[in-house]
C-alpha atoms as a PDB file:
ATOM      1  CA  MET A   1      22.325-104.024 -84.461  1.00  0.00           C
ATOM      2  CA  SER A   2      22.125-103.642 -80.755  1.00  0.00           C
ATOM      3  CA  THR A   3      22.067-100.870 -78.227  1.00  0.00           C
ATOM      4  CA  LYS A   4      24.489-101.720 -75.478  1.00  0.00           C
ATOM      5  CA  ASN A   5      25.274-100.100 -72.180  1.00  0.00           C
ATOM      6  CA  ASN A   6      28.445-102.134 -71.667  1.00  0.00           C
ATOM      7  CA  PHE A   7      30.811 -99.562 -73.113  1.00  0.00           C
ATOM      8  CA  PRO A   8      33.919 -99.236 -70.897  1.00  0.00           C
ATOM      9  CA  TYR A   9      32.620 -95.948 -69.439  1.00  0.00           C
ATOM     10  CA  LYS A  10      29.563 -93.688 -69.449  1.00  0.00           C
ATOM     11  CA  PRO A  11      30.086 -90.932 -72.049  1.00  0.00           C
ATOM     12  CA  ASN A  12      29.281 -87.366 -71.058  1.00  0.00           C
ATOM     13  CA  ASP A  13      26.839 -85.190 -73.018  1.00  0.00           C
ATOM     14  CA  TYR A  14      29.564 -83.649 -75.181  1.00  0.00           C
ATOM     15  CA  GLU A  15      30.856 -87.068 -76.233  1.00  0.00           C
ATOM     16  CA  SER A  16      27.355 -88.336 -76.950  1.00  0.00           C
ATOM     17  CA  GLU A  17      26.548 -85.349 -79.142  1.00  0.00           C
ATOM     18  CA  LYS A  18      29.859 -85.534 -80.992  1.00  0.00           C
ATOM     19  CA  ALA A  19      29.485 -89.284 -81.637  1.00  0.00           C
ATOM     20  CA  SER A  20      25.896 -88.735 -82.758  1.00  0.00           C
ATOM     21  CA  PHE A  21      27.118 -86.065 -85.160  1.00  0.00           C
ATOM     22  CA  SER A  22      29.345 -88.626 -86.887  1.00  0.00           C
ATOM     23  CA  TYR A  23      26.163 -90.396 -88.000  1.00  0.00           C
ATOM     24  CA  LEU A  24      24.387 -87.154 -88.834  1.00  0.00           C
ATOM     25  CA  MET A  25      27.364 -86.055 -90.928  1.00  0.00           C
ATOM     26  CA  SER A  26      26.880 -89.007 -93.244  1.00  0.00           C
ATOM     27  CA  LEU A  27      23.151 -88.238 -93.542  1.00  0.00           C
ATOM     28  CA  ILE A  28      23.728 -84.566 -94.298  1.00  0.00           C
ATOM     29  CA  THR A  29      26.248 -85.282 -97.034  1.00  0.00           C
ATOM     30  CA  ILE A  30      23.805 -87.623 -98.754  1.00  0.00           C
ATOM     31  CA  ILE A  31      21.936 -84.504 -99.831  1.00  0.00           C
ATOM     32  CA  ALA A  32      25.043 -82.860-101.268  1.00  0.00           C
ATOM     33  CA  GLY A  33      26.663 -85.969-102.692  1.00  0.00           C
ATOM     34  CA  LEU A  34      23.723 -88.082-103.790  1.00  0.00           C
ATOM     35  CA  PRO A  35      24.914 -88.633-107.355  1.00  0.00           C
ATOM     36  CA  LEU A  36      28.511 -89.276-106.278  1.00  0.00           C
ATOM     37  CA  PRO A  37      28.827 -92.159-103.823  1.00  0.00           C
ATOM     38  CA  VAL A  38      32.333 -91.191-102.711  1.00  0.00           C
ATOM     39  CA  ILE A  39      31.296 -87.765-101.298  1.00  0.00           C
ATOM     40  CA  ASN A  40      29.884 -89.359 -98.119  1.00  0.00           C
ATOM     41  CA  LEU A  41      33.058 -91.358 -97.644  1.00  0.00           C
ATOM     42  CA  ILE A  42      35.258 -88.269 -97.993  1.00  0.00           C
ATOM     43  CA  SER A  43      33.213 -86.184 -95.552  1.00  0.00           C
ATOM     44  CA  THR A  44      32.997 -89.030 -93.015  1.00  0.00           C
ATOM     45  CA  PHE A  45      36.746 -89.622 -93.298  1.00  0.00           C
ATOM     46  CA  ALA A  46      37.402 -85.892 -92.796  1.00  0.00           C
ATOM     47  CA  PHE A  47      35.178 -85.942 -89.703  1.00  0.00           C
ATOM     48  CA  TYR A  48      37.068 -88.973 -88.381  1.00  0.00           C
ATOM     49  CA  LEU A  49      40.429 -87.247 -88.976  1.00  0.00           C
ATOM     50  CA  SER A  50      39.259 -84.189 -87.078  1.00  0.00           C
ATOM     51  CA  ASN A  51      38.210 -86.422 -84.144  1.00  0.00           C
ATOM     52  CA  ARG A  52      40.913 -89.086 -84.141  1.00  0.00           C
ATOM     53  CA  LYS A  53      42.393 -87.709 -80.905  1.00  0.00           C
ATOM     54  CA  SER A  54      39.001 -87.433 -79.214  1.00  0.00           C
ATOM     55  CA  SER A  55      37.655 -89.766 -76.576  1.00  0.00           C
ATOM     56  CA  TYR A  56      37.333 -93.473 -77.215  1.00  0.00           C
ATOM     57  CA  PHE A  57      33.522 -93.231 -77.529  1.00  0.00           C
ATOM     58  CA  ILE A  58      33.711 -90.567 -80.250  1.00  0.00           C
ATOM     59  CA  ARG A  59      36.525 -92.293 -82.176  1.00  0.00           C
ATOM     60  CA  TRP A  60      34.765 -95.660 -82.021  1.00  0.00           C
ATOM     61  CA  HIS A  61      31.532 -94.283 -83.467  1.00  0.00           C
ATOM     62  CA  CYS A  62      33.402 -92.293 -86.123  1.00  0.00           C
ATOM     63  CA  ILE A  63      35.117 -95.502 -87.218  1.00  0.00           C
ATOM     64  CA  GLN A  64      31.862 -97.465 -87.278  1.00  0.00           C
ATOM     65  CA  THR A  65      30.300 -94.760 -89.466  1.00  0.00           C
ATOM     66  CA  LEU A  66      33.353 -94.721 -91.727  1.00  0.00           C
ATOM     67  CA  LEU A  67      33.197 -98.495 -92.192  1.00  0.00           C
ATOM     68  CA  LEU A  68      29.518 -98.233 -93.099  1.00  0.00           C
ATOM     69  CA  GLN A  69      30.325 -95.563 -95.701  1.00  0.00           C
ATOM     70  CA  ILE A  70      33.059 -97.745 -97.228  1.00  0.00           C
ATOM     71  CA  PHE A  71      30.471-100.507 -97.580  1.00  0.00           C
ATOM     72  CA  PHE A  72      28.045 -98.150 -99.331  1.00  0.00           C
ATOM     73  CA  VAL A  73      30.689 -96.834-101.713  1.00  0.00           C
ATOM     74  CA  ILE A  74      31.351-100.418-102.769  1.00  0.00           C
ATOM     75  CA  ILE A  75      27.613-101.127-103.151  1.00  0.00           C
ATOM     76  CA  ASN A  76      26.900 -97.894-105.057  1.00  0.00           C
ATOM     77  CA  ALA A  77      29.962 -97.737-107.311  1.00  0.00           C
ATOM     78  CA  TYR A  78      28.814-100.379-109.799  1.00  0.00           C
ATOM     79  CA  PRO A  79      25.352 -98.957-110.592  1.00  0.00           C
ATOM     80  CA  PHE A  80      26.793 -95.442-110.687  1.00  0.00           C
ATOM     81  CA  ALA A  81      29.426 -96.476-113.239  1.00  0.00           C
ATOM     82  CA  ARG A  82      26.885 -98.425-115.296  1.00  0.00           C
ATOM     83  CA  ILE A  83      24.407 -95.539-115.412  1.00  0.00           C
ATOM     84  CA  ILE A  84      27.142 -93.099-116.460  1.00  0.00           C
ATOM     85  CA  SER A  85      28.192 -95.604-119.123  1.00  0.00           C
ATOM     86  CA  ILE A  86      24.618 -95.886-120.369  1.00  0.00           C
ATOM     87  CA  ILE A  87      24.208 -92.107-120.516  1.00  0.00           C
ATOM     88  CA  PHE A  88      27.459 -91.333-122.329  1.00  0.00           C
ATOM     89  CA  ASN A  89      27.999 -94.500-124.391  1.00  0.00           C
ATOM     90  CA  ASN A  90      24.420 -95.248-125.399  1.00  0.00           C
ATOM     91  CA  GLY A  91      24.508 -98.515-123.465  1.00  0.00           C
ATOM     92  CA  GLN A  92      21.477-100.629-122.691  1.00  0.00           C
ATOM     93  CA  ILE A  93      19.630-101.141-119.475  1.00  0.00           C
ATOM     94  CA  THR A  94      19.621-104.839-118.622  1.00  0.00           C
ATOM     95  CA  ASN A  95      17.546-106.864-116.205  1.00  0.00           C
ATOM     96  CA  SER A  96      20.613-107.558-114.096  1.00  0.00           C
ATOM     97  CA  LEU A  97      21.254-103.810-113.731  1.00  0.00           C
ATOM     98  CA  ILE A  98      17.654-103.216-112.665  1.00  0.00           C
ATOM     99  CA  ALA A  99      17.889-106.050-110.118  1.00  0.00           C
ATOM    100  CA  TYR A 100      21.158-104.665-108.777  1.00  0.00           C
ATOM    101  CA  LEU A 101      19.664-101.158-108.581  1.00  0.00           C
ATOM    102  CA  ILE A 102      16.685-102.438-106.593  1.00  0.00           C
ATOM    103  CA  THR A 103      19.009-104.299-104.235  1.00  0.00           C
ATOM    104  CA  ALA A 104      21.276-101.260-103.860  1.00  0.00           C
ATOM    105  CA  ILE A 105      18.278 -99.022-103.142  1.00  0.00           C
ATOM    106  CA  LEU A 106      17.063-101.429-100.456  1.00  0.00           C
ATOM    107  CA  PHE A 107      20.535-101.553 -98.860  1.00  0.00           C
ATOM    108  CA  ASN A 108      20.762 -97.754 -98.956  1.00  0.00           C
ATOM    109  CA  LEU A 109      17.305 -97.383 -97.426  1.00  0.00           C
ATOM    110  CA  ALA A 110      18.205 -99.821 -94.640  1.00  0.00           C
ATOM    111  CA  GLY A 111      21.491 -97.960 -94.080  1.00  0.00           C
ATOM    112  CA  PHE A 112      19.646 -94.658 -93.906  1.00  0.00           C
ATOM    113  CA  ILE A 113      17.261 -96.044 -91.272  1.00  0.00           C
ATOM    114  CA  ILE A 114      19.963 -97.613 -89.097  1.00  0.00           C
ATOM    115  CA  THR A 115      22.038 -94.441 -89.326  1.00  0.00           C
ATOM    116  CA  ILE A 116      19.113 -92.357 -88.038  1.00  0.00           C
ATOM    117  CA  TYR A 117      18.582 -94.924 -85.266  1.00  0.00           C
ATOM    118  CA  ALA A 118      22.260 -94.810 -84.325  1.00  0.00           C
ATOM    119  CA  ALA A 119      22.336 -91.006 -84.326  1.00  0.00           C
ATOM    120  CA  ILE A 120      19.356 -90.832 -81.972  1.00  0.00           C
ATOM    121  CA  TYR A 121      20.561 -93.453 -79.513  1.00  0.00           C
ATOM    122  CA  THR A 122      24.197 -92.383 -79.563  1.00  0.00           C
ATOM    123  CA  GLY A 123      23.070 -88.828 -78.866  1.00  0.00           C
ATOM    124  CA  ARG A 124      21.398 -90.190 -75.732  1.00  0.00           C
ATOM    125  CA  GLY A 125      24.707 -91.688 -74.601  1.00  0.00           C
ATOM    126  CA  LYS A 126      23.883 -95.270 -75.546  1.00  0.00           C
ATOM    127  CA  HIS A 127      26.389 -97.414 -77.391  1.00  0.00           C
ATOM    128  CA  VAL A 128      25.030 -98.619 -80.745  1.00  0.00           C
ATOM    129  CA  HIS A 129      26.932-101.642 -82.012  1.00  0.00           C
ATOM    130  CA  TRP A 130      26.144-102.865 -85.538  1.00  0.00           C
ATOM    131  CA  TRP A 131      26.678-106.526 -86.301  1.00  0.00           C
ATOM    132  CA  LEU A 132      29.542-106.385 -88.828  1.00  0.00           C
ATOM    133  CA  TRP A 133      30.756-102.794 -88.647  1.00  0.00           C
ATOM    134  CA  GLY A 134      30.786-102.706 -84.859  1.00  0.00           C
ATOM    135  CA  ASP A 135      32.978-105.791 -84.707  1.00  0.00           C
ATOM    136  CA  LEU A 136      35.368-104.223 -87.227  1.00  0.00           C
ATOM    137  CA  ALA A 137      35.352-100.943 -85.275  1.00  0.00           C
ATOM    138  CA  ASP A 138      36.408-102.935 -82.213  1.00  0.00           C
ATOM    139  CA  LEU A 139      39.431-104.160 -84.184  1.00  0.00           C
ATOM    140  CA  PHE A 140      40.403-100.733 -85.540  1.00  0.00           C
ATOM    141  CA  CYS A 141      39.762 -98.634 -82.443  1.00  0.00           C
ATOM    142  CA  ARG A 142      41.630 -99.315 -79.246  1.00  0.00           C
ATOM    143  CA  GLU A 143      40.998 -97.617 -75.958  1.00  0.00           C
ATOM    144  CA  LYS A 144      43.936 -95.490 -74.885  1.00  0.00           C
ATOM    145  CA  ILE A 145      45.489 -96.745 -71.702  1.00  0.00           C
END
């Protein structure tokens, strides 16, 4: 993850706040959708749709947040399904499930921290570019000419 100032232009305060809110949106919906991993994805996608005609800076950060949420849905879907299966089908907790849960919790904690970091720095008008998701956002989001 890096904070870059080499974005094609300097965003104004409105753009910085709006882009920062894309990260905050995913944090806020964690509270509402904690047991259901797809809730964050839906709310982030809805926020992206409402801003898809916004400036390049806002769209780019909405897409980066959306890609991060897709990653977390994939990470969280398996333990969620297994825990529901254990609850309703009297399944057993295995060592592999516990290991996966610990790994998923660590990934989620790291994602929570980098999302807070990105919200703070993006709100200041700095461009936060994550290693994998930023590169994918570059592919999906083109600057309008």
